[in-house]
Amino acid sequence: MNPYISDILSQPAALRDAVQKFSTAPLAPITERLQSGDFDRLVITGMGASYNAAYPAYLQLTGLPIPVMLVNAAELVHYMDGLIGTRTLLWANSQSGRSAELLHLIQRIEPTPPACILASVNDKTSPLAAAVNVCLPIHAGPESTVSTKTYVNTLAVNLLAAQQLAGREVEPLKSAMLTAADEIENYLSDWQARVNDLDDLLGDFETLLLLGRGDSMSAVWNGALINKEAAKFSLEGMNAAEFRHGPLELAAPGFCAMIFAGASTTSVLNCKLALDIVEHGGRAIWLDSIIDLELPTFVFPIVDSVRPVTEILPMQLLTLVMAKREDVEPGIFRFIGKITTTE
């Protein structure tokens, strides 16, 4: 089997491994320090899929009594290193633990280190893992090229860690994630048929966009990323609210948007946008767990409390659709490697 597809299908087992091995012990001292006021801010950083996967946890953590920021690591090291002070809790995501920007950042702040550095990595022997105060392994196992298991497990471990740092019970969230793993496994058992269904649903188009809000932005951004990587298909992902501020002018015959229903907080707004796109001559495909009566819908499993964990599934299947259309083998790199070691 194609190694990229094999990685997609092995996500449920990898997710179970990450959830079952997640321990609250390493984070307990950091949680206590948060509660006692030792930190004046929390800065979360990463690159690519590792950055995208942090977004749902970032949203959860904005309820903390200190400022919380999610910053691209390249921008942080070159333009925004002033955000890191001696009372900062710095959280770095890097599946390899060897990304150039993260290692450069660690080197740069070494003379005046922050109060604590936390890292979520897949490789526990990596330079990043060795350089931080607390390491949270994501237990994704080997991965061939494009981030699949590492994205899902980073997202899951970040959410579990955020739950603990916010002072909430972790066990119910772990249980929901194990349920999600079962749902993903069942969903992917018929993956080829689902790819065919999505191909038929998409039909012909000239322009395709991904839209969402809230924690669905994690799948929107990563969906755009992995379609470029895995299918060599240029795809933009953007916030659904931002789409109204100008890009709605794209709505016309030949235009198609795939729109995540997302959280109930804004799902009605997203649905109204989809209907407006259709009214203006474009097409909209609704992404949800149930079929919408007014919109063509691509259904995927949702476990409410951990919805972002499963939202990447239609994006991964989209890469297989587009790879076939672009006549490329999915997930095979041409110019880059698994680890980006050059800025």
C-alpha atoms as a PDB file:
ATOM      1  CA  MET A   1       0.000   0.000   0.000  1.00  0.00           C
ATOM      2  CA  ASN A   2       1.042   3.599  -0.595  1.00  0.00           C
ATOM      3  CA  PRO A   3       2.862   4.645   2.635  1.00  0.00           C
ATOM      4  CA  TYR A   4       0.893   7.896   2.965  1.00  0.00           C
ATOM      5  CA  ILE A   5      -2.415   6.043   2.812  1.00  0.00           C
ATOM      6  CA  SER A   6      -1.041   3.517   5.283  1.00  0.00           C
ATOM      7  CA  ASP A   7      -0.244   6.372   7.682  1.00  0.00           C
ATOM      8  CA  ILE A   8      -3.795   7.721   7.341  1.00  0.00           C
ATOM      9  CA  LEU A   9      -5.262   4.309   8.146  1.00  0.00           C
ATOM     10  CA  SER A  10      -2.988   3.851  11.164  1.00  0.00           C
ATOM     11  CA  GLN A  11      -4.196   7.044  12.855  1.00  0.00           C
ATOM     12  CA  PRO A  12      -6.732   5.345  15.172  1.00  0.00           C
ATOM     13  CA  ALA A  13      -4.083   3.053  16.676  1.00  0.00           C
ATOM     14  CA  ALA A  14      -1.648   5.947  17.048  1.00  0.00           C
ATOM     15  CA  LEU A  15      -4.291   8.113  18.720  1.00  0.00           C
ATOM     16  CA  ARG A  16      -5.144   5.359  21.212  1.00  0.00           C
ATOM     17  CA  ASP A  17      -1.460   5.004  22.041  1.00  0.00           C
ATOM     18  CA  ALA A  18      -1.075   8.731  22.680  1.00  0.00           C
ATOM     19  CA  VAL A  19      -4.171   8.941  24.864  1.00  0.00           C
ATOM     20  CA  GLN A  20      -3.391   5.846  26.895  1.00  0.00           C
ATOM     21  CA  LYS A  21       0.198   6.965  27.507  1.00  0.00           C
ATOM     22  CA  PHE A  22      -0.656  10.558  28.378  1.00  0.00           C
ATOM     23  CA  SER A  23       0.354  11.217  31.982  1.00  0.00           C
ATOM     24  CA  THR A  24      -0.623  14.186  34.105  1.00  0.00           C
ATOM     25  CA  ALA A  25       2.504  13.840  36.263  1.00  0.00           C
ATOM     26  CA  PRO A  26       4.950  15.880  34.100  1.00  0.00           C
ATOM     27  CA  LEU A  27       2.522  18.793  33.868  1.00  0.00           C
ATOM     28  CA  ALA A  28       1.517  18.848  37.530  1.00  0.00           C
ATOM     29  CA  PRO A  29       4.326  21.227  38.633  1.00  0.00           C
ATOM     30  CA  ILE A  30       3.595  23.590  35.708  1.00  0.00           C
ATOM     31  CA  THR A  31      -0.104  23.599  36.589  1.00  0.00           C
ATOM     32  CA  GLU A  32       0.742  24.503  40.175  1.00  0.00           C
ATOM     33  CA  ARG A  33       3.049  27.295  39.021  1.00  0.00           C
ATOM     34  CA  LEU A  34       0.300  28.656  36.779  1.00  0.00           C
ATOM     35  CA  GLN A  35      -2.109  28.727  39.692  1.00  0.00           C
ATOM     36  CA  SER A  36       0.428  30.422  41.960  1.00  0.00           C
ATOM     37  CA  GLY A  37       1.173  33.192  39.434  1.00  0.00           C
ATOM     38  CA  ASP A  38       4.746  32.216  38.487  1.00  0.00           C
ATOM     39  CA  PHE A  39       4.119  32.918  34.782  1.00  0.00           C
ATOM     40  CA  ASP A  40       3.127  36.253  33.271  1.00  0.00           C
ATOM     41  CA  ARG A  41       2.220  34.813  29.843  1.00  0.00           C
ATOM     42  CA  LEU A  42       1.999  31.631  27.804  1.00  0.00           C
ATOM     43  CA  VAL A  43       3.521  31.610  24.311  1.00  0.00           C
ATOM     44  CA  ILE A  44       2.726  28.611  22.085  1.00  0.00           C
ATOM     45  CA  THR A  45       4.745  28.127  18.919  1.00  0.00           C
ATOM     46  CA  GLY A  46       5.440  25.731  16.074  1.00  0.00           C
ATOM     47  CA  MET A  47       5.634  25.443  12.289  1.00  0.00           C
ATOM     48  CA  GLY A  48       3.350  23.887   9.689  1.00  0.00           C
ATOM     49  CA  ALA A  49       1.175  21.032  10.934  1.00  0.00           C
ATOM     50  CA  SER A  50       2.614  21.380  14.450  1.00  0.00           C
ATOM     51  CA  TYR A  51       1.436  24.990  14.547  1.00  0.00           C
ATOM     52  CA  ASN A  52      -1.976  24.190  13.063  1.00  0.00           C
ATOM     53  CA  ALA A  53      -2.554  21.368  15.536  1.00  0.00           C
ATOM     54  CA  ALA A  54      -2.037  23.728  18.482  1.00  0.00           C
ATOM     55  CA  TYR A  55      -4.940  26.029  17.611  1.00  0.00           C
ATOM     56  CA  PRO A  56      -7.792  24.207  19.421  1.00  0.00           C
ATOM     57  CA  ALA A  57      -5.721  23.994  22.619  1.00  0.00           C
ATOM     58  CA  TYR A  58      -4.770  27.661  22.240  1.00  0.00           C
ATOM     59  CA  LEU A  59      -8.458  28.627  22.120  1.00  0.00           C
ATOM     60  CA  GLN A  60      -9.098  26.581  25.258  1.00  0.00           C
ATOM     61  CA  LEU A  61      -6.216  28.236  27.087  1.00  0.00           C
ATOM     62  CA  THR A  62      -7.294  31.813  26.368  1.00  0.00           C
ATOM     63  CA  GLY A  63      -9.479  31.460  29.458  1.00  0.00           C
ATOM     64  CA  LEU A  64      -6.388  31.451  31.676  1.00  0.00           C
ATOM     65  CA  PRO A  65      -5.812  34.555  33.846  1.00  0.00           C
ATOM     66  CA  ILE A  66      -2.636  35.366  31.875  1.00  0.00           C
ATOM     67  CA  PRO A  67      -2.184  36.395  28.221  1.00  0.00           C
ATOM     68  CA  VAL A  68      -1.920  33.413  25.846  1.00  0.00           C
ATOM     69  CA  MET A  69      -0.394  33.759  22.373  1.00  0.00           C
ATOM     70  CA  LEU A  70       0.010  31.386  19.436  1.00  0.00           C
ATOM     71  CA  VAL A  71       2.910  32.562  17.281  1.00  0.00           C
ATOM     72  CA  ASN A  72       4.589  31.133  14.184  1.00  0.00           C
ATOM     73  CA  ALA A  73       8.078  30.038  15.265  1.00  0.00           C
ATOM     74  CA  ALA A  74       9.842  31.763  12.353  1.00  0.00           C
ATOM     75  CA  GLU A  75       8.180  35.073  13.223  1.00  0.00           C
ATOM     76  CA  LEU A  76       8.873  34.534  16.897  1.00  0.00           C
ATOM     77  CA  VAL A  77      12.597  33.965  16.497  1.00  0.00           C
ATOM     78  CA  HIS A  78      13.239  36.770  13.993  1.00  0.00           C
ATOM     79  CA  TYR A  79      10.684  39.468  14.810  1.00  0.00           C
ATOM     80  CA  MET A  80       8.885  38.752  18.076  1.00  0.00           C
ATOM     81  CA  ASP A  81      11.432  37.316  20.497  1.00  0.00           C
ATOM     82  CA  GLY A  82      10.550  40.185  22.836  1.00  0.00           C
ATOM     83  CA  LEU A  83       7.442  38.205  23.699  1.00  0.00           C
ATOM     84  CA  ILE A  84       9.630  35.758  25.627  1.00  0.00           C
ATOM     85  CA  GLY A  85      10.675  37.022  29.046  1.00  0.00           C
ATOM     86  CA  THR A  86      12.024  35.490  32.212  1.00  0.00           C
ATOM     87  CA  ARG A  87       8.478  34.761  33.475  1.00  0.00           C
ATOM     88  CA  THR A  88       7.200  33.248  30.221  1.00  0.00           C
ATOM     89  CA  LEU A  89       5.884  29.714  29.873  1.00  0.00           C
ATOM     90  CA  LEU A  90       7.012  28.739  26.366  1.00  0.00           C
ATOM     91  CA  TRP A  91       5.309  25.782  24.676  1.00  0.00           C
ATOM     92  CA  ALA A  92       6.968  24.480  21.497  1.00  0.00           C
ATOM     93  CA  ASN A  93       5.374  21.960  19.129  1.00  0.00           C
ATOM     94  CA  SER A  94       7.605  20.030  16.720  1.00  0.00           C
ATOM     95  CA  GLN A  95       6.907  16.445  15.685  1.00  0.00           C
ATOM     96  CA  SER A  96      10.551  15.915  14.731  1.00  0.00           C
ATOM     97  CA  GLY A  97      12.075  18.065  17.458  1.00  0.00           C
ATOM     98  CA  ARG A  98      14.574  19.107  14.810  1.00  0.00           C
ATOM     99  CA  SER A  99      12.850  21.898  12.892  1.00  0.00           C
ATOM    100  CA  ALA A 100      15.286  24.695  12.109  1.00  0.00           C
ATOM    101  CA  GLU A 101      13.182  27.526  13.511  1.00  0.00           C
ATOM    102  CA  LEU A 102      12.523  25.801  16.839  1.00  0.00           C
ATOM    103  CA  LEU A 103      16.175  24.945  17.383  1.00  0.00           C
ATOM    104  CA  HIS A 104      17.205  28.473  16.423  1.00  0.00           C
ATOM    105  CA  LEU A 105      14.683  29.835  18.916  1.00  0.00           C
ATOM    106  CA  ILE A 106      15.985  27.640  21.740  1.00  0.00           C
ATOM    107  CA  GLN A 107      19.538  28.726  20.943  1.00  0.00           C
ATOM    108  CA  ARG A 108      18.560  32.386  20.832  1.00  0.00           C
ATOM    109  CA  ILE A 109      16.864  32.459  24.239  1.00  0.00           C
ATOM    110  CA  GLU A 110      19.522  30.351  25.978  1.00  0.00           C
ATOM    111  CA  PRO A 111      21.365  33.344  27.537  1.00  0.00           C
ATOM    112  CA  THR A 112      18.128  34.590  29.153  1.00  0.00           C
ATOM    113  CA  PRO A 113      15.803  31.601  29.332  1.00  0.00           C
ATOM    114  CA  PRO A 114      12.082  31.784  30.059  1.00  0.00           C
ATOM    115  CA  ALA A 115      10.654  30.518  33.327  1.00  0.00           C
ATOM    116  CA  CYS A 116       9.790  27.153  31.750  1.00  0.00           C
ATOM    117  CA  ILE A 117       9.910  25.492  28.337  1.00  0.00           C
ATOM    118  CA  LEU A 118       7.420  22.765  27.469  1.00  0.00           C
ATOM    119  CA  ALA A 119       7.617  20.781  24.226  1.00  0.00           C
ATOM    120  CA  SER A 120       5.347  18.322  22.424  1.00  0.00           C
ATOM    121  CA  VAL A 121       7.464  16.064  20.202  1.00  0.00           C
ATOM    122  CA  ASN A 122       7.303  12.688  18.503  1.00  0.00           C
ATOM    123  CA  ASP A 123      11.031  12.009  18.777  1.00  0.00           C
ATOM    124  CA  LYS A 124      12.052  11.908  22.437  1.00  0.00           C
ATOM    125  CA  THR A 125      15.732  11.724  21.441  1.00  0.00           C
ATOM    126  CA  SER A 126      15.575  14.991  19.473  1.00  0.00           C
ATOM    127  CA  PRO A 127      17.560  18.147  20.315  1.00  0.00           C
ATOM    128  CA  LEU A 128      14.369  20.002  21.212  1.00  0.00           C
ATOM    129  CA  ALA A 129      13.268  17.300  23.636  1.00  0.00           C
ATOM    130  CA  ALA A 130      16.687  17.419  25.312  1.00  0.00           C
ATOM    131  CA  ALA A 131      16.664  21.215  25.635  1.00  0.00           C
ATOM    132  CA  VAL A 132      13.334  21.768  27.399  1.00  0.00           C
ATOM    133  CA  ASN A 133      12.170  21.510  30.997  1.00  0.00           C
ATOM    134  CA  VAL A 134       9.190  19.258  30.301  1.00  0.00           C
ATOM    135  CA  CYS A 135       8.680  16.998  27.279  1.00  0.00           C
ATOM    136  CA  LEU A 136       5.267  15.663  26.262  1.00  0.00           C
ATOM    137  CA  PRO A 137       5.718  12.796  23.762  1.00  0.00           C
ATOM    138  CA  ILE A 138       2.927  12.453  21.218  1.00  0.00           C
ATOM    139  CA  HIS A 139       3.620   8.719  20.583  1.00  0.00           C
ATOM    140  CA  ALA A 140       2.710   8.814  16.882  1.00  0.00           C
ATOM    141  CA  GLY A 141       5.343   6.318  15.797  1.00  0.00           C
ATOM    142  CA  PRO A 142       7.148   6.370  12.427  1.00  0.00           C
ATOM    143  CA  GLU A 143       5.540   8.428   9.671  1.00  0.00           C
ATOM    144  CA  SER A 144       6.520   8.353   6.003  1.00  0.00           C
ATOM    145  CA  THR A 145       6.074  11.907   4.725  1.00  0.00           C
ATOM    146  CA  VAL A 146       3.068  14.220   5.119  1.00  0.00           C
ATOM    147  CA  SER A 147       1.865  14.781   8.677  1.00  0.00           C
ATOM    148  CA  THR A 148      -1.087  12.511   9.455  1.00  0.00           C
ATOM    149  CA  LYS A 149      -0.584  10.639  12.726  1.00  0.00           C
ATOM    150  CA  THR A 150       1.720  13.351  14.049  1.00  0.00           C
ATOM    151  CA  TYR A 151      -0.887  16.049  13.362  1.00  0.00           C
ATOM    152  CA  VAL A 152      -3.723  14.162  15.057  1.00  0.00           C
ATOM    153  CA  ASN A 153      -1.593  13.136  18.030  1.00  0.00           C
ATOM    154  CA  THR A 154      -0.124  16.613  18.482  1.00  0.00           C
ATOM    155  CA  LEU A 155      -3.637  18.039  18.470  1.00  0.00           C
ATOM    156  CA  ALA A 156      -4.831  15.424  20.958  1.00  0.00           C
ATOM    157  CA  VAL A 157      -1.899  15.775  23.350  1.00  0.00           C
ATOM    158  CA  ASN A 158      -2.166  19.561  23.185  1.00  0.00           C
ATOM    159  CA  LEU A 159      -5.852  19.395  24.092  1.00  0.00           C
ATOM    160  CA  LEU A 160      -5.189  17.009  26.986  1.00  0.00           C
ATOM    161  CA  ALA A 161      -2.383  19.221  28.278  1.00  0.00           C
ATOM    162  CA  ALA A 162      -4.554  22.330  27.924  1.00  0.00           C
ATOM    163  CA  GLN A 163      -7.298  20.621  29.876  1.00  0.00           C
ATOM    164  CA  GLN A 164      -4.888  19.974  32.733  1.00  0.00           C
ATOM    165  CA  LEU A 165      -3.271  23.411  32.636  1.00  0.00           C
ATOM    166  CA  ALA A 166      -6.725  24.983  32.818  1.00  0.00           C
ATOM    167  CA  GLY A 167      -7.429  23.007  35.997  1.00  0.00           C
ATOM    168  CA  ARG A 168     -10.059  20.696  34.512  1.00  0.00           C
ATOM    169  CA  GLU A 169     -10.441  16.917  34.722  1.00  0.00           C
ATOM    170  CA  VAL A 170      -8.454  15.080  32.054  1.00  0.00           C
ATOM    171  CA  GLU A 171     -10.035  11.613  32.224  1.00  0.00           C
ATOM    172  CA  PRO A 172     -13.368  12.529  30.545  1.00  0.00           C
ATOM    173  CA  LEU A 173     -11.443  14.054  27.649  1.00  0.00           C
ATOM    174  CA  LYS A 174      -9.270  10.949  27.334  1.00  0.00           C
ATOM    175  CA  SER A 175     -12.404   8.822  27.197  1.00  0.00           C
ATOM    176  CA  ALA A 176     -13.866  11.003  24.437  1.00  0.00           C
ATOM    177  CA  MET A 177     -10.645  10.707  22.443  1.00  0.00           C
ATOM    178  CA  LEU A 178     -10.687   6.929  22.689  1.00  0.00           C
ATOM    179  CA  THR A 179     -14.256   7.019  21.386  1.00  0.00           C
ATOM    180  CA  ALA A 180     -13.041   9.242  18.553  1.00  0.00           C
ATOM    181  CA  ALA A 181     -10.334   6.695  17.715  1.00  0.00           C
ATOM    182  CA  ASP A 182     -13.013   4.007  17.368  1.00  0.00           C
ATOM    183  CA  GLU A 183     -15.120   6.302  15.167  1.00  0.00           C
ATOM    184  CA  ILE A 184     -12.136   7.117  12.952  1.00  0.00           C
ATOM    185  CA  GLU A 185     -11.269   3.440  12.578  1.00  0.00           C
ATOM    186  CA  ASN A 186     -14.812   2.564  11.555  1.00  0.00           C
ATOM    187  CA  TYR A 187     -14.982   5.517   9.150  1.00  0.00           C
ATOM    188  CA  LEU A 188     -11.706   4.656   7.433  1.00  0.00           C
ATOM    189  CA  SER A 189     -12.552   0.967   7.088  1.00  0.00           C
ATOM    190  CA  ASP A 190     -14.306   1.936   3.839  1.00  0.00           C
ATOM    191  CA  TRP A 191     -11.909   4.723   2.867  1.00  0.00           C
ATOM    192  CA  GLN A 192     -11.859   4.082  -0.879  1.00  0.00           C
ATOM    193  CA  ALA A 193     -15.637   4.352  -1.134  1.00  0.00           C
ATOM    194  CA  ARG A 194     -15.519   7.599   0.823  1.00  0.00           C
ATOM    195  CA  VAL A 195     -12.859   8.983  -1.527  1.00  0.00           C
ATOM    196  CA  ASN A 196     -15.101   8.107  -4.470  1.00  0.00           C
ATOM    197  CA  ASP A 197     -18.104   9.767  -2.804  1.00  0.00           C
ATOM    198  CA  LEU A 198     -16.112  12.945  -2.211  1.00  0.00           C
ATOM    199  CA  ASP A 199     -14.858  12.932  -5.790  1.00  0.00           C
ATOM    200  CA  ASP A 200     -18.436  12.714  -7.070  1.00  0.00           C
ATOM    201  CA  LEU A 201     -19.628  15.396  -4.661  1.00  0.00           C
ATOM    202  CA  LEU A 202     -16.901  17.826  -5.716  1.00  0.00           C
ATOM    203  CA  GLY A 203     -17.584  17.467  -9.415  1.00  0.00           C
ATOM    204  CA  ASP A 204     -15.923  20.014 -11.667  1.00  0.00           C
ATOM    205  CA  PHE A 205     -14.654  23.329 -10.354  1.00  0.00           C
ATOM    206  CA  GLU A 206     -12.199  26.062 -11.251  1.00  0.00           C
ATOM    207  CA  THR A 207     -11.500  27.365  -7.737  1.00  0.00           C
ATOM    208  CA  LEU A 208     -11.787  25.528  -4.423  1.00  0.00           C
ATOM    209  CA  LEU A 209     -11.538  27.094  -0.956  1.00  0.00           C
ATOM    210  CA  LEU A 210     -11.710  25.675   2.581  1.00  0.00           C
ATOM    211  CA  LEU A 211     -13.650  27.714   5.146  1.00  0.00           C
ATOM    212  CA  GLY A 212     -14.309  27.408   8.877  1.00  0.00           C
ATOM    213  CA  ARG A 213     -14.283  29.198  12.211  1.00  0.00           C
ATOM    214  CA  GLY A 214     -13.061  28.584  15.724  1.00  0.00           C
ATOM    215  CA  ASP A 215     -11.159  25.373  16.322  1.00  0.00           C
ATOM    216  CA  SER A 216     -12.164  24.145  12.845  1.00  0.00           C
ATOM    217  CA  MET A 217      -9.428  26.489  11.591  1.00  0.00           C
ATOM    218  CA  SER A 218      -6.949  23.803  12.584  1.00  0.00           C
ATOM    219  CA  ALA A 219      -8.379  21.489   9.900  1.00  0.00           C
ATOM    220  CA  VAL A 220      -8.860  24.360   7.445  1.00  0.00           C
ATOM    221  CA  TRP A 221      -5.209  25.414   7.622  1.00  0.00           C
ATOM    222  CA  ASN A 222      -3.851  21.897   7.718  1.00  0.00           C
ATOM    223  CA  GLY A 223      -6.181  20.777   4.959  1.00  0.00           C
ATOM    224  CA  ALA A 224      -4.740  23.472   2.717  1.00  0.00           C
ATOM    225  CA  LEU A 225      -1.213  22.478   3.722  1.00  0.00           C
ATOM    226  CA  ILE A 226      -1.486  18.742   3.136  1.00  0.00           C
ATOM    227  CA  ASN A 227      -3.213  19.165  -0.225  1.00  0.00           C
ATOM    228  CA  LYS A 228      -0.197  21.160  -1.399  1.00  0.00           C
ATOM    229  CA  GLU A 229       2.166  18.538   0.040  1.00  0.00           C
ATOM    230  CA  ALA A 230       0.367  15.296  -0.717  1.00  0.00           C
ATOM    231  CA  ALA A 231      -1.529  16.119  -3.921  1.00  0.00           C
ATOM    232  CA  LYS A 232       0.540  19.016  -5.364  1.00  0.00           C
ATOM    233  CA  PHE A 233      -2.780  20.897  -5.480  1.00  0.00           C
ATOM    234  CA  SER A 234      -2.787  24.591  -4.590  1.00  0.00           C
ATOM    235  CA  LEU A 235      -5.554  25.172  -2.076  1.00  0.00           C
ATOM    236  CA  GLU A 236      -6.347  28.087   0.211  1.00  0.00           C
ATOM    237  CA  GLY A 237      -7.925  27.812   3.636  1.00  0.00           C
ATOM    238  CA  MET A 238      -9.350  30.846   5.374  1.00  0.00           C
ATOM    239  CA  ASN A 239     -11.681  31.983   8.118  1.00  0.00           C
ATOM    240  CA  ALA A 240     -15.320  31.948   7.037  1.00  0.00           C
ATOM    241  CA  ALA A 241     -15.934  35.385   8.531  1.00  0.00           C
ATOM    242  CA  GLU A 242     -12.946  36.800   6.629  1.00  0.00           C
ATOM    243  CA  PHE A 243     -14.412  35.370   3.424  1.00  0.00           C
ATOM    244  CA  ARG A 244     -17.275  37.851   3.678  1.00  0.00           C
ATOM    245  CA  HIS A 245     -14.798  40.731   3.840  1.00  0.00           C
ATOM    246  CA  GLY A 246     -13.975  40.749   0.134  1.00  0.00           C
ATOM    247  CA  PRO A 247     -13.389  37.182  -1.124  1.00  0.00           C
ATOM    248  CA  LEU A 248     -17.164  36.611  -1.373  1.00  0.00           C
ATOM    249  CA  GLU A 249     -16.682  38.299  -4.758  1.00  0.00           C
ATOM    250  CA  LEU A 250     -15.291  34.945  -5.940  1.00  0.00           C
ATOM    251  CA  ALA A 251     -18.732  33.325  -5.732  1.00  0.00           C
ATOM    252  CA  ALA A 252     -19.697  32.503  -9.300  1.00  0.00           C
ATOM    253  CA  PRO A 253     -20.018  29.475 -11.586  1.00  0.00           C
ATOM    254  CA  GLY A 254     -16.821  27.442 -11.248  1.00  0.00           C
ATOM    255  CA  PHE A 255     -16.266  28.433  -7.624  1.00  0.00           C
ATOM    256  CA  CYS A 256     -16.673  25.862  -4.824  1.00  0.00           C
ATOM    257  CA  ALA A 257     -16.192  26.180  -1.062  1.00  0.00           C
ATOM    258  CA  MET A 258     -15.916  23.323   1.418  1.00  0.00           C
ATOM    259  CA  ILE A 259     -17.274  24.677   4.695  1.00  0.00           C
ATOM    260  CA  PHE A 260     -16.969  23.103   8.138  1.00  0.00           C
ATOM    261  CA  ALA A 261     -20.137  23.300  10.205  1.00  0.00           C
ATOM    262  CA  GLY A 262     -17.914  23.603  13.266  1.00  0.00           C
ATOM    263  CA  ALA A 263     -19.006  24.395  16.793  1.00  0.00           C
ATOM    264  CA  SER A 264     -22.618  25.310  17.520  1.00  0.00           C
ATOM    265  CA  THR A 265     -21.420  28.800  18.474  1.00  0.00           C
ATOM    266  CA  THR A 266     -21.042  29.753  14.804  1.00  0.00           C
ATOM    267  CA  SER A 267     -22.459  26.873  12.743  1.00  0.00           C
ATOM    268  CA  VAL A 268     -25.568  28.901  11.858  1.00  0.00           C
ATOM    269  CA  LEU A 269     -23.365  31.702  10.538  1.00  0.00           C
ATOM    270  CA  ASN A 270     -21.351  29.215   8.491  1.00  0.00           C
ATOM    271  CA  CYS A 271     -24.517  27.727   7.014  1.00  0.00           C
ATOM    272  CA  LYS A 272     -25.819  31.175   6.067  1.00  0.00           C
ATOM    273  CA  LEU A 273     -22.530  31.875   4.298  1.00  0.00           C
ATOM    274  CA  ALA A 274     -22.804  28.605   2.384  1.00  0.00           C
ATOM    275  CA  LEU A 275     -26.313  29.477   1.236  1.00  0.00           C
ATOM    276  CA  ASP A 276     -25.177  32.970   0.210  1.00  0.00           C
ATOM    277  CA  ILE A 277     -22.392  31.472  -1.899  1.00  0.00           C
ATOM    278  CA  VAL A 278     -24.955  29.303  -3.669  1.00  0.00           C
ATOM    279  CA  GLU A 279     -27.282  32.281  -4.153  1.00  0.00           C
ATOM    280  CA  HIS A 280     -24.451  34.189  -5.836  1.00  0.00           C
ATOM    281  CA  GLY A 281     -23.808  31.372  -8.316  1.00  0.00           C
ATOM    282  CA  GLY A 282     -21.102  29.357  -6.577  1.00  0.00           C
ATOM    283  CA  ARG A 283     -21.225  25.939  -4.951  1.00  0.00           C
ATOM    284  CA  ALA A 284     -20.820  24.999  -1.297  1.00  0.00           C
ATOM    285  CA  ILE A 285     -20.119  21.588   0.218  1.00  0.00           C
ATOM    286  CA  TRP A 286     -21.104  21.265   3.868  1.00  0.00           C
ATOM    287  CA  LEU A 287     -18.835  19.256   6.180  1.00  0.00           C
ATOM    288  CA  ASP A 288     -20.718  17.843   9.155  1.00  0.00           C
ATOM    289  CA  SER A 289     -21.764  14.634  10.904  1.00  0.00           C
ATOM    290  CA  ILE A 290     -25.327  14.844   9.575  1.00  0.00           C
ATOM    291  CA  ILE A 291     -26.687  15.631   6.120  1.00  0.00           C
ATOM    292  CA  ASP A 292     -27.960  19.170   5.609  1.00  0.00           C
ATOM    293  CA  LEU A 293     -31.290  19.353   3.784  1.00  0.00           C
ATOM    294  CA  GLU A 294     -30.287  22.428   1.767  1.00  0.00           C
ATOM    295  CA  LEU A 295     -26.623  21.779   1.022  1.00  0.00           C
ATOM    296  CA  PRO A 296     -24.664  18.884  -0.496  1.00  0.00           C
ATOM    297  CA  THR A 297     -22.972  17.340   2.531  1.00  0.00           C
ATOM    298  CA  PHE A 298     -19.877  15.243   3.036  1.00  0.00           C
ATOM    299  CA  VAL A 299     -20.401  13.356   6.283  1.00  0.00           C
ATOM    300  CA  PHE A 300     -17.654  12.415   8.727  1.00  0.00           C
ATOM    301  CA  PRO A 301     -17.727  11.292  12.382  1.00  0.00           C
ATOM    302  CA  ILE A 302     -17.832  13.904  15.116  1.00  0.00           C
ATOM    303  CA  VAL A 303     -17.298  13.350  18.835  1.00  0.00           C
ATOM    304  CA  ASP A 304     -18.495  16.669  20.223  1.00  0.00           C
ATOM    305  CA  SER A 305     -15.945  17.340  22.954  1.00  0.00           C
ATOM    306  CA  VAL A 306     -13.016  16.451  20.643  1.00  0.00           C
ATOM    307  CA  ARG A 307     -14.452  17.438  17.262  1.00  0.00           C
ATOM    308  CA  PRO A 308     -11.133  18.908  15.969  1.00  0.00           C
ATOM    309  CA  VAL A 309      -9.549  15.447  16.189  1.00  0.00           C
ATOM    310  CA  THR A 310     -11.843  14.086  13.451  1.00  0.00           C
ATOM    311  CA  GLU A 311     -12.233  17.214  11.316  1.00  0.00           C
ATOM    312  CA  ILE A 312      -9.010  16.481   9.451  1.00  0.00           C
ATOM    313  CA  LEU A 313     -10.498  13.299   7.930  1.00  0.00           C
ATOM    314  CA  PRO A 314     -12.323  14.924   4.981  1.00  0.00           C
ATOM    315  CA  MET A 315      -9.191  16.967   4.285  1.00  0.00           C
ATOM    316  CA  GLN A 316      -7.053  13.832   4.127  1.00  0.00           C
ATOM    317  CA  LEU A 317      -9.544  12.142   1.811  1.00  0.00           C
ATOM    318  CA  LEU A 318      -9.526  15.289  -0.317  1.00  0.00           C
ATOM    319  CA  THR A 319      -5.773  14.846  -0.835  1.00  0.00           C
ATOM    320  CA  LEU A 320      -6.454  11.401  -2.316  1.00  0.00           C
ATOM    321  CA  VAL A 321      -9.128  12.810  -4.623  1.00  0.00           C
ATOM    322  CA  MET A 322      -6.895  15.612  -5.816  1.00  0.00           C
ATOM    323  CA  ALA A 323      -3.797  13.435  -6.180  1.00  0.00           C
ATOM    324  CA  LYS A 324      -5.740  11.241  -8.591  1.00  0.00           C
ATOM    325  CA  ARG A 325      -6.977  14.286 -10.485  1.00  0.00           C
ATOM    326  CA  GLU A 326      -3.465  15.761 -10.618  1.00  0.00           C
ATOM    327  CA  ASP A 327      -2.082  12.351 -11.653  1.00  0.00           C
ATOM    328  CA  VAL A 328       0.460  12.128  -8.843  1.00  0.00           C
ATOM    329  CA  GLU A 329       1.137   9.447  -6.268  1.00  0.00           C
ATOM    330  CA  PRO A 330      -0.276  10.820  -2.986  1.00  0.00           C
ATOM    331  CA  GLY A 331       2.074  11.849  -0.222  1.00  0.00           C
ATOM    332  CA  ILE A 332       5.362  11.487  -2.100  1.00  0.00           C
ATOM    333  CA  PHE A 333       7.736  14.419  -1.616  1.00  0.00           C
ATOM    334  CA  ARG A 334       9.626  15.791  -4.603  1.00  0.00           C
ATOM    335  CA  PHE A 335      11.675  18.659  -3.166  1.00  0.00           C
ATOM    336  CA  ILE A 336      11.520  18.467   0.604  1.00  0.00           C
ATOM    337  CA  GLY A 337      12.197  15.927   3.333  1.00  0.00           C
ATOM    338  CA  LYS A 338      10.230  14.822   6.366  1.00  0.00           C
ATOM    339  CA  ILE A 339      12.196  17.267   8.554  1.00  0.00           C
ATOM    340  CA  THR A 340      12.776  20.891   7.565  1.00  0.00           C
ATOM    341  CA  THR A 341      16.286  21.679   8.757  1.00  0.00           C
ATOM    342  CA  THR A 342      16.850  24.873   6.715  1.00  0.00           C
ATOM    343  CA  GLU A 343      15.168  28.206   7.354  1.00  0.00           C
END
